[in-house]
């Protein structure tokens, strides 16, 4: 009886992993009709919303795949922030988030623009531009925090910026 239960649990686990792995995410931005018109493009509104999100999430620890205040990763934090504060439904992963919007120059950044970094041969990181060379993100070491783009680490790993 124990063998049957063990095999069943293994089967369910494998089926779950295979089904999750077979889902493909599309790079799509959906707008929330409940958000008043032009609020997602008004810079002062965006800054206020982003600082509000920071106040609610500051210090929440980094957790790969996390989507809650018990732990969140960089793309999950961006996904949740845009959904709850700006009424925009962005893709969940950094890779898919990097494929949406319009690429812009680093010196043209405005509040709400996404900033991408190549942090390793196969790893990427995303944050949200605030103002005055600062961006909001979920850091592996500090959790949800505000960092500076002119910091040596971020400056050397900068990849691109995107406006949604």
N, C-alpha and C. Protein backbone atom coordinates (compact mmCIF):
# COMPACT_ATOMS: atom_id res chain seq x y z
N UNK A 1 0.82 -1.19 0.00
CA UNK A 1 0.00 0.00 0.00
C UNK A 1 0.88 1.27 0.00
N UNK A 2 1.97 1.26 0.80
CA UNK A 2 2.87 2.41 0.85
C UNK A 2 3.52 2.66 -0.51
N UNK A 3 3.84 1.58 -1.24
CA UNK A 3 4.45 1.73 -2.56
C UNK A 3 3.49 2.40 -3.53
N UNK A 4 2.23 2.03 -3.46
CA UNK A 4 1.22 2.61 -4.35
C UNK A 4 1.06 4.10 -4.06
N UNK A 5 1.00 4.45 -2.78
CA UNK A 5 0.85 5.85 -2.40
C UNK A 5 2.10 6.64 -2.81
N UNK A 6 3.28 6.09 -2.59
CA UNK A 6 4.52 6.76 -2.97
C UNK A 6 4.57 6.97 -4.48
N UNK A 7 4.22 5.96 -5.24
CA UNK A 7 4.23 6.09 -6.71
C UNK A 7 3.21 7.13 -7.16
N UNK A 8 2.06 7.17 -6.51
CA UNK A 8 1.02 8.13 -6.87
C UNK A 8 1.52 9.56 -6.60
N UNK A 9 2.16 9.76 -5.47
CA UNK A 9 2.69 11.08 -5.13
C UNK A 9 3.76 11.50 -6.13
N UNK A 10 4.65 10.59 -6.48
CA UNK A 10 5.69 10.88 -7.47
C UNK A 10 5.05 11.21 -8.82
N UNK A 11 4.04 10.44 -9.22
CA UNK A 11 3.35 10.68 -10.49
C UNK A 11 2.71 12.06 -10.51
N UNK A 12 2.02 12.42 -9.43
CA UNK A 12 1.37 13.74 -9.34
C UNK A 12 2.43 14.84 -9.40
N UNK A 13 3.53 14.65 -8.70
CA UNK A 13 4.61 15.65 -8.70
C UNK A 13 5.20 15.84 -10.09
N UNK A 14 5.44 14.76 -10.79
CA UNK A 14 5.99 14.84 -12.15
C UNK A 14 4.98 15.50 -13.09
N UNK A 15 3.72 15.11 -12.97
CA UNK A 15 2.68 15.69 -13.82
C UNK A 15 2.58 17.19 -13.59
N UNK A 16 2.69 17.62 -12.34
CA UNK A 16 2.63 19.04 -12.03
C UNK A 16 3.82 19.78 -12.64
N UNK A 17 5.01 19.23 -12.49
CA UNK A 17 6.20 19.87 -13.04
C UNK A 17 6.15 19.96 -14.56
N UNK A 18 5.72 18.91 -15.19
CA UNK A 18 5.64 18.90 -16.65
C UNK A 18 4.60 19.90 -17.13
N UNK A 19 3.46 19.96 -16.46
CA UNK A 19 2.42 20.89 -16.90
C UNK A 19 2.85 22.33 -16.72
N UNK A 20 3.54 22.66 -15.63
CA UNK A 20 4.01 24.03 -15.42
C UNK A 20 5.09 24.39 -16.42
N UNK A 21 5.95 23.45 -16.71
CA UNK A 21 7.03 23.71 -17.65
C UNK A 21 6.56 23.86 -19.07
N UNK A 22 5.40 23.34 -19.38
CA UNK A 22 4.93 23.41 -20.76
C UNK A 22 4.14 24.68 -21.05
N UNK A 23 3.85 25.46 -20.02
CA UNK A 23 3.13 26.71 -20.23
C UNK A 23 4.08 27.75 -20.80
N UNK A 24 3.67 28.42 -21.85
CA UNK A 24 4.49 29.47 -22.42
C UNK A 24 3.85 30.81 -22.13
N UNK A 25 4.65 31.71 -21.64
CA UNK A 25 4.17 33.05 -21.34
C UNK A 25 4.34 33.92 -22.57
N UNK A 26 3.36 34.76 -22.82
CA UNK A 26 3.44 35.69 -23.94
C UNK A 26 3.76 37.07 -23.39
N UNK A 27 4.54 37.82 -24.16
CA UNK A 27 4.89 39.18 -23.77
C UNK A 27 3.75 40.12 -24.13
N UNK A 28 2.83 40.29 -23.20
CA UNK A 28 1.65 41.12 -23.43
C UNK A 28 1.45 42.03 -22.23
N UNK A 29 1.06 43.26 -22.50
CA UNK A 29 0.68 44.19 -21.45
C UNK A 29 -0.82 44.39 -21.56
N UNK A 30 -1.52 44.16 -20.46
CA UNK A 30 -2.96 44.38 -20.43
C UNK A 30 -3.24 45.57 -19.53
N UNK A 31 -4.16 46.41 -19.95
CA UNK A 31 -4.51 47.59 -19.17
C UNK A 31 -5.73 47.30 -18.31
N UNK A 32 -5.72 47.83 -17.11
CA UNK A 32 -6.84 47.67 -16.20
C UNK A 32 -7.84 48.79 -16.46
N UNK A 33 -9.06 48.45 -16.88
CA UNK A 33 -10.05 49.48 -17.19
C UNK A 33 -10.53 50.25 -15.96
N UNK A 34 -10.24 49.74 -14.76
CA UNK A 34 -10.66 50.42 -13.53
C UNK A 34 -9.75 51.59 -13.18
N UNK A 35 -8.59 51.68 -13.84
CA UNK A 35 -7.66 52.78 -13.57
C UNK A 35 -8.07 53.98 -14.41
N UNK A 36 -8.18 55.16 -13.82
CA UNK A 36 -8.56 56.35 -14.60
C UNK A 36 -7.61 56.59 -15.77
N UNK A 37 -8.12 57.10 -16.85
CA UNK A 37 -7.34 57.34 -18.06
C UNK A 37 -6.13 58.23 -17.77
N UNK A 38 -5.04 57.95 -18.44
CA UNK A 38 -3.79 58.70 -18.39
C UNK A 38 -3.04 58.62 -17.06
N UNK A 39 -3.54 57.92 -16.08
CA UNK A 39 -2.84 57.82 -14.79
C UNK A 39 -1.53 57.07 -14.93
N UNK A 40 -1.47 56.06 -15.83
CA UNK A 40 -0.26 55.27 -15.96
C UNK A 40 0.84 56.03 -16.70
N UNK A 41 0.53 57.16 -17.33
CA UNK A 41 1.54 57.93 -18.04
C UNK A 41 1.86 59.26 -17.35
N UNK A 42 1.13 59.64 -16.32
CA UNK A 42 1.37 60.86 -15.57
C UNK A 42 2.55 60.63 -14.62
N UNK A 43 3.68 61.30 -14.88
CA UNK A 43 4.91 61.06 -14.13
C UNK A 43 4.74 61.26 -12.62
N UNK A 44 4.05 62.32 -12.21
CA UNK A 44 3.90 62.57 -10.77
C UNK A 44 3.07 61.47 -10.12
N UNK A 45 2.03 61.00 -10.81
CA UNK A 45 1.22 59.89 -10.29
C UNK A 45 2.07 58.62 -10.19
N UNK A 46 2.88 58.35 -11.20
CA UNK A 46 3.71 57.15 -11.22
C UNK A 46 4.71 57.18 -10.06
N UNK A 47 5.39 58.31 -9.87
CA UNK A 47 6.35 58.43 -8.76
C UNK A 47 5.67 58.20 -7.41
N UNK A 48 4.52 58.83 -7.23
CA UNK A 48 3.78 58.69 -5.97
C UNK A 48 3.40 57.22 -5.75
N UNK A 49 2.94 56.55 -6.80
CA UNK A 49 2.55 55.14 -6.70
C UNK A 49 3.75 54.25 -6.39
N UNK A 50 4.89 54.55 -7.01
CA UNK A 50 6.09 53.73 -6.79
C UNK A 50 6.64 53.92 -5.38
N UNK A 51 6.66 55.15 -4.88
CA UNK A 51 7.12 55.37 -3.50
C UNK A 51 6.15 54.74 -2.50
N UNK A 52 4.87 54.75 -2.81
CA UNK A 52 3.89 54.08 -1.96
C UNK A 52 4.18 52.57 -1.91
N UNK A 53 4.47 52.00 -3.06
CA UNK A 53 4.80 50.57 -3.12
C UNK A 53 6.06 50.29 -2.32
N UNK A 54 7.05 51.16 -2.43
CA UNK A 54 8.28 50.98 -1.67
C UNK A 54 8.00 51.01 -0.17
N UNK A 55 7.19 51.95 0.27
CA UNK A 55 6.86 52.04 1.70
C UNK A 55 6.17 50.77 2.20
N UNK A 56 5.36 50.15 1.36
CA UNK A 56 4.66 48.92 1.75
C UNK A 56 5.55 47.68 1.69
N UNK A 57 6.57 47.69 0.82
CA UNK A 57 7.37 46.49 0.57
C UNK A 57 8.81 46.60 1.03
N UNK A 58 9.24 47.73 1.52
CA UNK A 58 10.65 47.94 1.88
C UNK A 58 11.17 46.81 2.77
N UNK A 59 12.28 46.24 2.37
CA UNK A 59 12.93 45.19 3.15
C UNK A 59 12.37 43.79 2.97
N UNK A 60 11.27 43.62 2.23
CA UNK A 60 10.76 42.26 1.99
C UNK A 60 11.88 41.47 1.34
N UNK A 61 12.16 40.31 1.88
CA UNK A 61 13.32 39.53 1.43
C UNK A 61 13.15 39.00 0.01
N UNK A 62 14.29 38.78 -0.63
CA UNK A 62 14.31 38.22 -1.97
C UNK A 62 14.05 36.72 -1.87
N UNK A 63 13.17 36.23 -2.72
CA UNK A 63 12.93 34.79 -2.83
C UNK A 63 12.64 34.49 -4.29
N UNK A 64 13.48 33.68 -4.89
CA UNK A 64 13.30 33.33 -6.30
C UNK A 64 11.93 32.70 -6.50
N UNK A 65 11.16 33.25 -7.44
CA UNK A 65 9.82 32.76 -7.71
C UNK A 65 8.76 33.31 -6.78
N UNK A 66 9.17 34.10 -5.78
CA UNK A 66 8.23 34.62 -4.79
C UNK A 66 7.34 35.71 -5.35
N UNK A 67 6.12 35.75 -4.82
CA UNK A 67 5.14 36.75 -5.25
C UNK A 67 4.34 37.30 -4.07
N UNK A 68 4.96 37.35 -2.90
CA UNK A 68 4.23 37.85 -1.74
C UNK A 68 5.20 38.58 -0.81
N UNK A 69 4.66 39.16 0.25
CA UNK A 69 5.52 39.86 1.20
C UNK A 69 6.30 38.90 2.09
N UNK A 70 6.11 37.61 1.91
CA UNK A 70 6.97 36.62 2.57
C UNK A 70 8.26 36.45 1.78
N UNK A 71 8.27 36.90 0.52
CA UNK A 71 9.44 36.82 -0.34
C UNK A 71 9.05 37.08 -1.78
N UNK A 72 9.90 37.82 -2.50
CA UNK A 72 9.58 38.19 -3.87
C UNK A 72 10.88 38.29 -4.67
N UNK A 73 10.82 37.95 -5.95
CA UNK A 73 11.99 38.15 -6.79
C UNK A 73 11.82 39.43 -7.61
N UNK A 74 12.84 39.79 -8.37
CA UNK A 74 12.82 41.10 -9.05
C UNK A 74 11.67 41.22 -10.05
N UNK A 75 11.48 40.22 -10.90
CA UNK A 75 10.42 40.32 -11.91
C UNK A 75 9.04 40.19 -11.28
N UNK A 76 8.94 39.42 -10.21
CA UNK A 76 7.68 39.30 -9.49
C UNK A 76 7.30 40.62 -8.85
N UNK A 77 8.29 41.32 -8.30
CA UNK A 77 8.03 42.62 -7.69
C UNK A 77 7.57 43.63 -8.74
N UNK A 78 8.22 43.62 -9.90
CA UNK A 78 7.82 44.51 -11.00
C UNK A 78 6.40 44.17 -11.45
N UNK A 79 6.14 42.90 -11.62
CA UNK A 79 4.81 42.42 -12.04
C UNK A 79 3.74 42.89 -11.05
N UNK A 80 3.97 42.67 -9.76
CA UNK A 80 3.00 43.05 -8.74
C UNK A 80 2.84 44.57 -8.63
N UNK A 81 3.93 45.30 -8.75
CA UNK A 81 3.89 46.75 -8.65
C UNK A 81 3.07 47.37 -9.77
N UNK A 82 3.33 46.93 -10.99
CA UNK A 82 2.58 47.48 -12.12
C UNK A 82 1.11 47.12 -12.04
N UNK A 83 0.83 45.91 -11.58
CA UNK A 83 -0.56 45.47 -11.48
C UNK A 83 -1.31 46.25 -10.40
N UNK A 84 -0.74 46.32 -9.19
CA UNK A 84 -1.47 46.93 -8.08
C UNK A 84 -1.44 48.45 -8.07
N UNK A 85 -0.35 49.04 -8.54
CA UNK A 85 -0.21 50.50 -8.43
C UNK A 85 -0.51 51.25 -9.72
N UNK A 86 -0.31 50.58 -10.88
CA UNK A 86 -0.48 51.28 -12.15
C UNK A 86 -1.54 50.65 -13.04
N UNK A 87 -2.13 49.55 -12.59
CA UNK A 87 -3.21 48.93 -13.34
C UNK A 87 -2.76 48.28 -14.64
N UNK A 88 -1.50 47.91 -14.73
CA UNK A 88 -0.96 47.26 -15.93
C UNK A 88 -0.54 45.83 -15.60
N UNK A 89 -0.92 44.92 -16.45
CA UNK A 89 -0.58 43.51 -16.25
C UNK A 89 0.61 43.16 -17.13
N UNK A 90 1.80 43.15 -16.53
CA UNK A 90 3.02 42.80 -17.25
C UNK A 90 3.28 41.30 -17.14
N UNK A 91 4.08 40.77 -18.06
CA UNK A 91 4.48 39.36 -17.93
C UNK A 91 5.19 39.14 -16.60
N UNK A 92 5.31 37.90 -16.19
CA UNK A 92 5.86 37.55 -14.88
C UNK A 92 7.40 37.50 -14.85
N UNK A 93 8.03 37.14 -15.95
CA UNK A 93 9.47 36.91 -15.92
C UNK A 93 10.28 38.09 -16.49
N UNK A 94 11.51 38.20 -16.04
CA UNK A 94 12.40 39.25 -16.53
C UNK A 94 12.57 39.14 -18.03
N UNK A 95 12.77 37.94 -18.52
CA UNK A 95 12.97 37.71 -19.95
C UNK A 95 11.79 38.25 -20.76
N UNK A 96 10.57 37.95 -20.34
CA UNK A 96 9.40 38.40 -21.07
C UNK A 96 9.17 39.90 -20.87
N UNK A 97 9.47 40.41 -19.69
CA UNK A 97 9.33 41.85 -19.45
C UNK A 97 10.30 42.63 -20.35
N UNK A 98 11.45 42.05 -20.64
CA UNK A 98 12.44 42.74 -21.48
C UNK A 98 12.01 42.82 -22.94
N UNK A 99 10.98 42.07 -23.31
CA UNK A 99 10.52 42.04 -24.70
C UNK A 99 9.35 42.97 -24.99
N UNK A 100 8.86 43.66 -23.97
CA UNK A 100 7.70 44.53 -24.18
C UNK A 100 8.14 45.99 -24.18
N UNK A 101 7.24 46.85 -24.59
CA UNK A 101 7.51 48.28 -24.57
C UNK A 101 8.48 48.72 -25.64
N UNK A 102 8.95 49.94 -25.48
CA UNK A 102 9.87 50.55 -26.44
C UNK A 102 11.21 50.80 -25.75
N UNK A 103 12.28 50.34 -26.37
CA UNK A 103 13.60 50.57 -25.80
C UNK A 103 13.93 52.05 -25.86
N UNK A 104 14.47 52.56 -24.75
CA UNK A 104 14.83 53.98 -24.67
C UNK A 104 16.27 54.12 -24.19
N UNK A 105 16.82 55.32 -24.37
CA UNK A 105 18.18 55.58 -23.91
C UNK A 105 18.20 55.78 -22.39
N UNK A 106 19.29 55.43 -21.80
CA UNK A 106 19.44 55.54 -20.35
C UNK A 106 19.23 56.98 -19.86
N UNK A 107 19.66 57.95 -20.65
CA UNK A 107 19.50 59.34 -20.22
C UNK A 107 18.12 59.92 -20.53
N UNK A 108 17.21 59.09 -21.04
CA UNK A 108 15.82 59.51 -21.28
C UNK A 108 14.85 58.89 -20.28
N UNK A 109 15.36 58.27 -19.23
CA UNK A 109 14.51 57.56 -18.27
C UNK A 109 13.52 58.48 -17.57
N UNK A 110 12.30 57.96 -17.38
CA UNK A 110 11.25 58.63 -16.61
C UNK A 110 10.70 57.64 -15.59
N UNK A 111 10.05 58.16 -14.58
CA UNK A 111 9.47 57.30 -13.54
C UNK A 111 8.58 56.24 -14.19
N UNK A 112 8.78 54.99 -13.79
CA UNK A 112 7.98 53.88 -14.30
C UNK A 112 8.64 53.09 -15.41
N UNK A 113 9.74 53.60 -15.97
CA UNK A 113 10.45 52.85 -17.00
C UNK A 113 11.15 51.65 -16.37
N UNK A 114 11.23 50.57 -17.12
CA UNK A 114 11.91 49.37 -16.65
C UNK A 114 13.39 49.45 -17.00
N UNK A 115 14.23 49.01 -16.07
CA UNK A 115 15.68 49.00 -16.28
C UNK A 115 16.15 47.56 -16.13
N UNK A 116 16.91 47.10 -17.11
CA UNK A 116 17.37 45.71 -17.13
C UNK A 116 18.89 45.64 -17.00
N UNK A 117 19.33 44.60 -16.30
CA UNK A 117 20.75 44.38 -16.06
C UNK A 117 21.08 42.93 -16.41
N UNK A 118 22.28 42.72 -16.91
CA UNK A 118 22.82 41.37 -17.12
C UNK A 118 23.75 41.15 -15.93
N UNK A 119 23.34 40.28 -15.02
CA UNK A 119 24.09 40.09 -13.78
C UNK A 119 24.92 38.82 -13.77
N UNK A 120 24.91 38.10 -14.87
CA UNK A 120 25.69 36.88 -15.00
C UNK A 120 25.53 36.36 -16.41
N UNK A 121 26.21 35.28 -16.73
CA UNK A 121 26.14 34.76 -18.09
C UNK A 121 24.73 34.34 -18.49
N UNK A 122 23.95 33.89 -17.52
CA UNK A 122 22.59 33.46 -17.83
C UNK A 122 21.56 34.13 -16.90
N UNK A 123 21.95 35.20 -16.23
CA UNK A 123 20.99 35.83 -15.32
C UNK A 123 20.78 37.30 -15.65
N UNK A 124 19.54 37.71 -15.39
CA UNK A 124 19.13 39.08 -15.66
C UNK A 124 18.39 39.61 -14.44
N UNK A 125 18.32 40.93 -14.36
CA UNK A 125 17.67 41.59 -13.23
C UNK A 125 16.86 42.76 -13.78
N UNK A 126 15.75 43.08 -13.13
CA UNK A 126 14.91 44.19 -13.56
C UNK A 126 14.53 45.06 -12.37
N UNK A 127 14.45 46.35 -12.62
CA UNK A 127 14.00 47.31 -11.63
C UNK A 127 13.13 48.36 -12.30
N UNK A 128 12.59 49.26 -11.50
CA UNK A 128 11.71 50.32 -12.01
C UNK A 128 12.34 51.67 -11.68
N UNK A 129 12.53 52.48 -12.71
CA UNK A 129 13.14 53.80 -12.51
C UNK A 129 12.21 54.69 -11.70
N UNK A 130 12.80 55.42 -10.74
CA UNK A 130 12.06 56.37 -9.91
C UNK A 130 12.31 57.80 -10.38
N UNK A 131 13.50 58.28 -10.06
CA UNK A 131 13.90 59.65 -10.40
C UNK A 131 15.34 59.85 -9.94
N UNK A 132 15.99 60.86 -10.46
CA UNK A 132 17.32 61.28 -10.00
C UNK A 132 18.29 60.11 -9.88
N UNK A 133 18.32 59.27 -10.91
CA UNK A 133 19.27 58.15 -10.98
C UNK A 133 18.98 57.03 -9.97
N UNK A 134 17.76 56.96 -9.44
CA UNK A 134 17.39 55.94 -8.47
C UNK A 134 16.38 54.99 -9.08
N UNK A 135 16.45 53.73 -8.67
CA UNK A 135 15.47 52.75 -9.12
C UNK A 135 15.06 51.82 -7.99
N UNK A 136 13.86 51.31 -8.11
CA UNK A 136 13.22 50.44 -7.13
C UNK A 136 13.31 49.00 -7.63
N UNK A 137 13.69 48.08 -6.75
CA UNK A 137 13.82 46.68 -7.18
C UNK A 137 13.89 45.75 -5.97
N UNK A 138 13.85 44.45 -6.27
CA UNK A 138 14.03 43.43 -5.23
C UNK A 138 15.44 42.88 -5.39
N UNK A 139 16.31 43.26 -4.47
CA UNK A 139 17.71 42.87 -4.48
C UNK A 139 17.90 41.54 -3.75
N UNK A 140 18.78 40.71 -4.27
CA UNK A 140 19.04 39.43 -3.60
C UNK A 140 19.61 39.62 -2.21
N UNK A 141 20.39 40.65 -1.99
CA UNK A 141 21.02 40.86 -0.70
C UNK A 141 20.19 41.72 0.25
N UNK A 142 19.48 42.73 -0.29
CA UNK A 142 18.78 43.68 0.57
C UNK A 142 17.27 43.55 0.53
N UNK A 143 16.74 42.70 -0.30
CA UNK A 143 15.30 42.63 -0.47
C UNK A 143 14.82 43.83 -1.25
N UNK A 144 13.58 44.23 -1.05
CA UNK A 144 13.03 45.37 -1.78
C UNK A 144 13.72 46.64 -1.28
N UNK A 145 14.31 47.36 -2.21
CA UNK A 145 15.13 48.51 -1.86
C UNK A 145 15.16 49.52 -3.01
N UNK A 146 15.77 50.65 -2.74
CA UNK A 146 16.05 51.64 -3.77
C UNK A 146 17.56 51.72 -3.93
N UNK A 147 18.02 51.63 -5.17
CA UNK A 147 19.45 51.69 -5.47
C UNK A 147 19.71 52.80 -6.47
N UNK A 148 20.99 53.09 -6.66
CA UNK A 148 21.40 54.14 -7.60
C UNK A 148 22.00 53.51 -8.86
N UNK A 149 21.61 54.07 -9.99
CA UNK A 149 22.14 53.59 -11.27
C UNK A 149 23.63 53.87 -11.42
N UNK A 150 24.15 54.89 -10.71
CA UNK A 150 25.57 55.20 -10.83
C UNK A 150 26.43 54.39 -9.85
N UNK A 151 25.81 53.49 -9.10
CA UNK A 151 26.56 52.54 -8.28
C UNK A 151 27.42 51.70 -9.22
N UNK A 152 28.65 51.42 -8.85
CA UNK A 152 29.58 50.71 -9.74
C UNK A 152 29.02 49.38 -10.24
N UNK A 153 28.38 48.62 -9.36
CA UNK A 153 27.83 47.31 -9.75
C UNK A 153 26.74 47.46 -10.81
N UNK A 154 25.76 48.32 -10.53
CA UNK A 154 24.65 48.49 -11.46
C UNK A 154 25.10 49.14 -12.76
N UNK A 155 26.00 50.07 -12.67
CA UNK A 155 26.53 50.76 -13.85
C UNK A 155 27.23 49.77 -14.79
N UNK A 156 28.01 48.87 -14.21
CA UNK A 156 28.77 47.92 -15.04
C UNK A 156 27.90 46.78 -15.59
N UNK A 157 26.74 46.55 -14.99
CA UNK A 157 25.87 45.46 -15.45
C UNK A 157 24.62 45.94 -16.20
N UNK A 158 24.53 47.26 -16.43
CA UNK A 158 23.39 47.82 -17.15
C UNK A 158 23.26 47.17 -18.53
N UNK A 159 22.02 46.82 -18.91
CA UNK A 159 21.76 46.20 -20.21
C UNK A 159 20.93 47.15 -21.08
N UNK A 160 19.70 47.47 -20.63
CA UNK A 160 18.84 48.34 -21.44
C UNK A 160 17.70 48.87 -20.58
N UNK A 161 16.98 49.85 -21.15
CA UNK A 161 15.81 50.44 -20.50
C UNK A 161 14.64 50.38 -21.47
N UNK A 162 13.45 50.21 -20.90
CA UNK A 162 12.24 50.06 -21.72
C UNK A 162 11.12 50.91 -21.12
N UNK A 163 10.39 51.58 -21.99
CA UNK A 163 9.20 52.34 -21.57
C UNK A 163 7.97 51.55 -21.98
N UNK A 164 7.07 51.31 -21.03
CA UNK A 164 5.83 50.55 -21.30
C UNK A 164 4.81 51.49 -21.91
